[in-house]
């Protein structure tokens, strides 16, 4: 286990009701292509904060890595519906492109 992974797991242990630790751990798992673990951690972050756009985007990425296209699309569509997703034009464009790419895949 890397130092970063240990640190994020400790954050989750100390602050289980905070989405940040789960998100950070999930992002690390995405970076390491550990898809099932990423989905688990990011799903928890989103459960704790359903409007956490970054966690929804990363959850979509984890689902793509795990081969779950429908779940990826659903996560990205949820991200578009968050307050950030509704006002950030670059995020909207990025997510819309990801969804189009997924449909072409």
N, C-alpha and C. Protein backbone atom coordinates (compact mmCIF):
# COMPACT_ATOMS: atom_id res chain seq x y z
N UNK A 1 0.85 -1.18 0.00
CA UNK A 1 0.00 0.00 0.00
C UNK A 1 0.89 1.24 0.00
N UNK A 2 0.57 2.17 -0.88
CA UNK A 2 1.36 3.40 -0.97
C UNK A 2 1.05 4.31 0.22
N UNK A 3 1.93 5.28 0.43
CA UNK A 3 1.71 6.25 1.50
C UNK A 3 0.43 7.03 1.25
N UNK A 4 0.17 7.39 -0.02
CA UNK A 4 -1.05 8.15 -0.35
C UNK A 4 -2.29 7.32 -0.03
N UNK A 5 -2.27 6.05 -0.41
CA UNK A 5 -3.42 5.19 -0.13
C UNK A 5 -3.63 5.08 1.37
N UNK A 6 -2.57 4.89 2.12
CA UNK A 6 -2.68 4.78 3.58
C UNK A 6 -3.25 6.08 4.17
N UNK A 7 -2.80 7.21 3.66
CA UNK A 7 -3.27 8.50 4.15
C UNK A 7 -4.78 8.66 3.87
N UNK A 8 -5.21 8.32 2.65
CA UNK A 8 -6.62 8.47 2.31
C UNK A 8 -7.49 7.49 3.10
N UNK A 9 -7.00 6.27 3.32
CA UNK A 9 -7.76 5.31 4.12
C UNK A 9 -7.87 5.79 5.56
N UNK A 10 -6.83 6.43 6.05
CA UNK A 10 -6.88 6.99 7.40
C UNK A 10 -7.89 8.14 7.47
N UNK A 11 -7.94 8.96 6.42
CA UNK A 11 -8.95 10.03 6.36
C UNK A 11 -10.36 9.44 6.44
N UNK A 12 -10.58 8.38 5.68
CA UNK A 12 -11.90 7.72 5.67
C UNK A 12 -12.20 7.15 7.05
N UNK A 13 -11.20 6.57 7.68
CA UNK A 13 -11.41 5.99 9.01
C UNK A 13 -11.75 7.07 10.04
N UNK A 14 -11.02 8.18 9.99
CA UNK A 14 -11.24 9.26 10.97
C UNK A 14 -12.51 10.05 10.70
N UNK A 15 -12.84 10.21 9.42
CA UNK A 15 -13.99 11.05 9.04
C UNK A 15 -14.89 10.29 8.06
N UNK A 16 -15.53 9.22 8.52
CA UNK A 16 -16.30 8.38 7.61
C UNK A 16 -17.50 9.09 6.97
N UNK A 17 -17.97 10.17 7.59
CA UNK A 17 -19.12 10.89 7.05
C UNK A 17 -18.74 12.05 6.14
N UNK A 18 -17.45 12.20 5.89
CA UNK A 18 -16.99 13.25 4.98
C UNK A 18 -16.72 12.65 3.61
N UNK A 19 -17.29 13.23 2.56
CA UNK A 19 -17.07 12.67 1.23
C UNK A 19 -15.64 12.85 0.71
N UNK A 20 -14.88 13.80 1.25
CA UNK A 20 -13.56 14.11 0.71
C UNK A 20 -12.60 12.93 0.77
N UNK A 21 -12.56 12.22 1.87
CA UNK A 21 -11.65 11.08 1.99
C UNK A 21 -12.01 9.98 1.01
N UNK A 22 -13.31 9.71 0.90
CA UNK A 22 -13.77 8.69 -0.04
C UNK A 22 -13.44 9.09 -1.48
N UNK A 23 -13.65 10.39 -1.79
CA UNK A 23 -13.34 10.89 -3.12
C UNK A 23 -11.84 10.75 -3.41
N UNK A 24 -11.01 11.18 -2.46
CA UNK A 24 -9.56 11.13 -2.67
C UNK A 24 -9.09 9.69 -2.87
N UNK A 25 -9.61 8.77 -2.07
CA UNK A 25 -9.26 7.37 -2.22
C UNK A 25 -9.74 6.84 -3.58
N UNK A 26 -10.96 7.20 -3.95
CA UNK A 26 -11.49 6.77 -5.25
C UNK A 26 -10.70 7.29 -6.42
N UNK A 27 -10.28 8.55 -6.36
CA UNK A 27 -9.46 9.12 -7.45
C UNK A 27 -8.15 8.37 -7.57
N UNK A 28 -7.54 8.05 -6.44
CA UNK A 28 -6.30 7.29 -6.46
C UNK A 28 -6.54 5.94 -7.12
N UNK A 29 -7.64 5.28 -6.77
CA UNK A 29 -7.96 3.98 -7.37
C UNK A 29 -8.19 4.12 -8.88
N UNK A 30 -8.83 5.19 -9.32
CA UNK A 30 -8.99 5.42 -10.76
C UNK A 30 -7.62 5.57 -11.41
N UNK A 31 -6.76 6.38 -10.80
CA UNK A 31 -5.41 6.59 -11.35
C UNK A 31 -4.65 5.28 -11.46
N UNK A 32 -4.90 4.37 -10.52
CA UNK A 32 -4.21 3.08 -10.50
C UNK A 32 -4.98 1.99 -11.24
N UNK A 33 -6.10 2.38 -11.87
CA UNK A 33 -6.93 1.45 -12.66
C UNK A 33 -7.45 0.29 -11.80
N UNK A 34 -7.74 0.58 -10.56
CA UNK A 34 -8.33 -0.39 -9.64
C UNK A 34 -9.83 -0.11 -9.60
N UNK A 35 -10.48 -0.49 -10.69
CA UNK A 35 -11.85 -0.06 -10.97
C UNK A 35 -12.86 -0.42 -9.89
N UNK A 36 -12.95 -1.67 -9.44
CA UNK A 36 -13.98 -1.99 -8.43
C UNK A 36 -13.80 -1.19 -7.14
N UNK A 37 -12.56 -1.03 -6.71
CA UNK A 37 -12.30 -0.26 -5.49
C UNK A 37 -12.64 1.21 -5.70
N UNK A 38 -12.37 1.72 -6.91
CA UNK A 38 -12.71 3.11 -7.23
C UNK A 38 -14.21 3.31 -7.19
N UNK A 39 -14.95 2.39 -7.80
CA UNK A 39 -16.42 2.49 -7.80
C UNK A 39 -16.95 2.51 -6.37
N UNK A 40 -16.42 1.65 -5.53
CA UNK A 40 -16.88 1.57 -4.14
C UNK A 40 -16.63 2.88 -3.41
N UNK A 41 -15.41 3.39 -3.48
CA UNK A 41 -15.06 4.62 -2.75
C UNK A 41 -15.84 5.83 -3.29
N UNK A 42 -15.91 5.94 -4.61
CA UNK A 42 -16.59 7.09 -5.20
C UNK A 42 -18.10 7.02 -5.00
N UNK A 43 -18.66 5.82 -5.00
CA UNK A 43 -20.09 5.67 -4.71
C UNK A 43 -20.40 6.15 -3.30
N UNK A 44 -19.50 5.88 -2.37
CA UNK A 44 -19.69 6.34 -1.00
C UNK A 44 -19.62 7.86 -0.93
N UNK A 45 -18.67 8.46 -1.64
CA UNK A 45 -18.57 9.93 -1.66
C UNK A 45 -19.86 10.55 -2.18
N UNK A 46 -20.41 9.98 -3.25
CA UNK A 46 -21.63 10.50 -3.86
C UNK A 46 -22.84 10.25 -2.95
N UNK A 47 -22.83 9.13 -2.25
CA UNK A 47 -23.91 8.85 -1.29
C UNK A 47 -23.92 9.92 -0.19
N UNK A 48 -22.73 10.29 0.27
CA UNK A 48 -22.61 11.29 1.33
C UNK A 48 -22.92 12.70 0.83
N UNK A 49 -22.62 12.98 -0.44
CA UNK A 49 -22.90 14.29 -1.03
C UNK A 49 -23.35 14.09 -2.48
N UNK A 50 -24.65 13.96 -2.70
CA UNK A 50 -25.17 13.69 -4.04
C UNK A 50 -24.90 14.79 -5.07
N UNK A 51 -24.47 15.97 -4.61
CA UNK A 51 -24.19 17.07 -5.55
C UNK A 51 -22.69 17.25 -5.80
N UNK A 52 -21.87 16.29 -5.39
CA UNK A 52 -20.41 16.37 -5.52
C UNK A 52 -20.04 16.04 -6.96
N UNK A 53 -19.99 17.08 -7.80
CA UNK A 53 -19.78 16.90 -9.24
C UNK A 53 -18.48 16.15 -9.55
N UNK A 54 -17.40 16.52 -8.89
CA UNK A 54 -16.11 15.86 -9.17
C UNK A 54 -16.17 14.37 -8.86
N UNK A 55 -16.87 14.01 -7.79
CA UNK A 55 -17.00 12.59 -7.45
C UNK A 55 -17.85 11.86 -8.49
N UNK A 56 -18.89 12.52 -8.99
CA UNK A 56 -19.72 11.91 -10.02
C UNK A 56 -18.95 11.71 -11.32
N UNK A 57 -18.14 12.69 -11.68
CA UNK A 57 -17.31 12.57 -12.89
C UNK A 57 -16.34 11.40 -12.73
N UNK A 58 -15.66 11.34 -11.59
CA UNK A 58 -14.70 10.26 -11.34
C UNK A 58 -15.41 8.91 -11.26
N UNK A 59 -16.62 8.88 -10.70
CA UNK A 59 -17.39 7.64 -10.64
C UNK A 59 -17.70 7.16 -12.06
N UNK A 60 -18.05 8.09 -12.94
CA UNK A 60 -18.25 7.72 -14.34
C UNK A 60 -17.00 7.13 -14.95
N UNK A 61 -15.86 7.74 -14.66
CA UNK A 61 -14.59 7.23 -15.17
C UNK A 61 -14.33 5.81 -14.66
N UNK A 62 -14.62 5.59 -13.37
CA UNK A 62 -14.41 4.26 -12.79
C UNK A 62 -15.33 3.23 -13.44
N UNK A 63 -16.56 3.62 -13.70
CA UNK A 63 -17.49 2.70 -14.36
C UNK A 63 -17.02 2.37 -15.78
N UNK A 64 -16.50 3.36 -16.50
CA UNK A 64 -15.96 3.09 -17.84
C UNK A 64 -14.83 2.07 -17.74
N UNK A 65 -13.93 2.30 -16.80
CA UNK A 65 -12.82 1.37 -16.62
C UNK A 65 -13.28 -0.04 -16.30
N UNK A 66 -14.39 -0.14 -15.56
CA UNK A 66 -14.94 -1.44 -15.17
C UNK A 66 -15.82 -2.04 -16.27
N UNK A 67 -15.99 -1.28 -17.36
CA UNK A 67 -16.79 -1.79 -18.47
C UNK A 67 -18.29 -1.61 -18.30
N UNK A 68 -18.69 -0.73 -17.40
CA UNK A 68 -20.11 -0.50 -17.13
C UNK A 68 -20.55 0.82 -17.76
N UNK A 69 -20.79 0.78 -19.07
CA UNK A 69 -21.12 2.01 -19.81
C UNK A 69 -22.39 2.69 -19.32
N UNK A 70 -23.43 1.93 -19.05
CA UNK A 70 -24.69 2.54 -18.63
C UNK A 70 -24.54 3.27 -17.30
N UNK A 71 -23.81 2.67 -16.37
CA UNK A 71 -23.58 3.32 -15.08
C UNK A 71 -22.72 4.57 -15.24
N UNK A 72 -21.74 4.51 -16.15
CA UNK A 72 -20.90 5.69 -16.42
C UNK A 72 -21.76 6.83 -16.94
N UNK A 73 -22.59 6.54 -17.91
CA UNK A 73 -23.46 7.57 -18.48
C UNK A 73 -24.38 8.15 -17.41
N UNK A 74 -24.94 7.30 -16.56
CA UNK A 74 -25.82 7.77 -15.50
C UNK A 74 -25.08 8.70 -14.53
N UNK A 75 -23.85 8.34 -14.18
CA UNK A 75 -23.07 9.18 -13.26
C UNK A 75 -22.78 10.54 -13.90
N UNK A 76 -22.39 10.53 -15.16
CA UNK A 76 -22.08 11.80 -15.83
C UNK A 76 -23.33 12.65 -16.03
N UNK A 77 -24.46 12.02 -16.30
CA UNK A 77 -25.71 12.78 -16.42
C UNK A 77 -26.09 13.39 -15.07
N UNK A 78 -25.86 12.65 -13.99
CA UNK A 78 -26.10 13.21 -12.65
C UNK A 78 -25.18 14.40 -12.40
N UNK A 79 -23.93 14.29 -12.84
CA UNK A 79 -22.98 15.41 -12.66
C UNK A 79 -23.48 16.65 -13.39
N UNK A 80 -24.06 16.46 -14.56
CA UNK A 80 -24.60 17.60 -15.31
C UNK A 80 -25.74 18.29 -14.55
N UNK A 81 -26.44 17.54 -13.72
CA UNK A 81 -27.56 18.09 -12.97
C UNK A 81 -27.19 18.74 -11.65
N UNK A 82 -25.93 18.67 -11.27
CA UNK A 82 -25.50 19.31 -10.02
C UNK A 82 -25.42 20.81 -10.21
N UNK A 83 -25.41 21.57 -9.11
CA UNK A 83 -25.26 23.03 -9.26
C UNK A 83 -24.03 23.41 -10.09
N UNK A 84 -22.89 22.76 -9.84
CA UNK A 84 -21.69 23.06 -10.63
C UNK A 84 -21.89 22.66 -12.08
N UNK A 85 -22.48 21.50 -12.30
CA UNK A 85 -22.72 21.02 -13.65
C UNK A 85 -23.64 21.92 -14.46
N UNK A 86 -24.56 22.59 -13.77
CA UNK A 86 -25.49 23.49 -14.47
C UNK A 86 -24.87 24.84 -14.80
N UNK A 87 -23.85 25.26 -14.04
CA UNK A 87 -23.31 26.60 -14.29
C UNK A 87 -21.93 26.62 -14.95
N UNK A 88 -21.20 25.52 -14.90
CA UNK A 88 -19.84 25.48 -15.44
C UNK A 88 -19.89 24.98 -16.89
N UNK A 89 -19.74 25.91 -17.82
CA UNK A 89 -19.88 25.58 -19.24
C UNK A 89 -18.79 24.61 -19.71
N UNK A 90 -17.58 24.73 -19.20
CA UNK A 90 -16.52 23.81 -19.63
C UNK A 90 -16.78 22.40 -19.11
N UNK A 91 -17.31 22.29 -17.88
CA UNK A 91 -17.66 20.98 -17.35
C UNK A 91 -18.80 20.37 -18.18
N UNK A 92 -19.79 21.19 -18.53
CA UNK A 92 -20.90 20.71 -19.37
C UNK A 92 -20.37 20.17 -20.69
N UNK A 93 -19.50 20.93 -21.32
CA UNK A 93 -18.96 20.51 -22.62
C UNK A 93 -18.16 19.22 -22.49
N UNK A 94 -17.36 19.13 -21.44
CA UNK A 94 -16.56 17.93 -21.21
C UNK A 94 -17.45 16.70 -21.00
N UNK A 95 -18.45 16.85 -20.15
CA UNK A 95 -19.33 15.72 -19.86
C UNK A 95 -20.16 15.32 -21.07
N UNK A 96 -20.66 16.30 -21.80
CA UNK A 96 -21.43 15.99 -23.00
C UNK A 96 -20.58 15.24 -24.02
N UNK A 97 -19.30 15.62 -24.14
CA UNK A 97 -18.39 14.93 -25.05
C UNK A 97 -18.13 13.50 -24.56
N UNK A 98 -17.92 13.34 -23.26
CA UNK A 98 -17.70 11.99 -22.71
C UNK A 98 -18.90 11.09 -23.00
N UNK A 99 -20.10 11.63 -22.83
CA UNK A 99 -21.31 10.84 -23.07
C UNK A 99 -21.42 10.47 -24.55
N UNK A 100 -21.13 11.43 -25.43
CA UNK A 100 -21.15 11.13 -26.88
C UNK A 100 -20.12 10.06 -27.22
N UNK A 101 -18.91 10.20 -26.68
CA UNK A 101 -17.85 9.22 -26.94
C UNK A 101 -18.26 7.83 -26.45
N UNK A 102 -18.92 7.79 -25.33
CA UNK A 102 -19.37 6.53 -24.77
C UNK A 102 -20.41 5.87 -25.67
N UNK A 103 -21.30 6.68 -26.21
CA UNK A 103 -22.34 6.14 -27.10
C UNK A 103 -21.74 5.65 -28.41
N UNK A 104 -20.61 6.23 -28.82
CA UNK A 104 -19.94 5.80 -30.06
C UNK A 104 -19.04 4.59 -29.83
N UNK A 105 -18.76 4.28 -28.58
CA UNK A 105 -17.81 3.24 -28.20
C UNK A 105 -18.35 1.86 -28.49
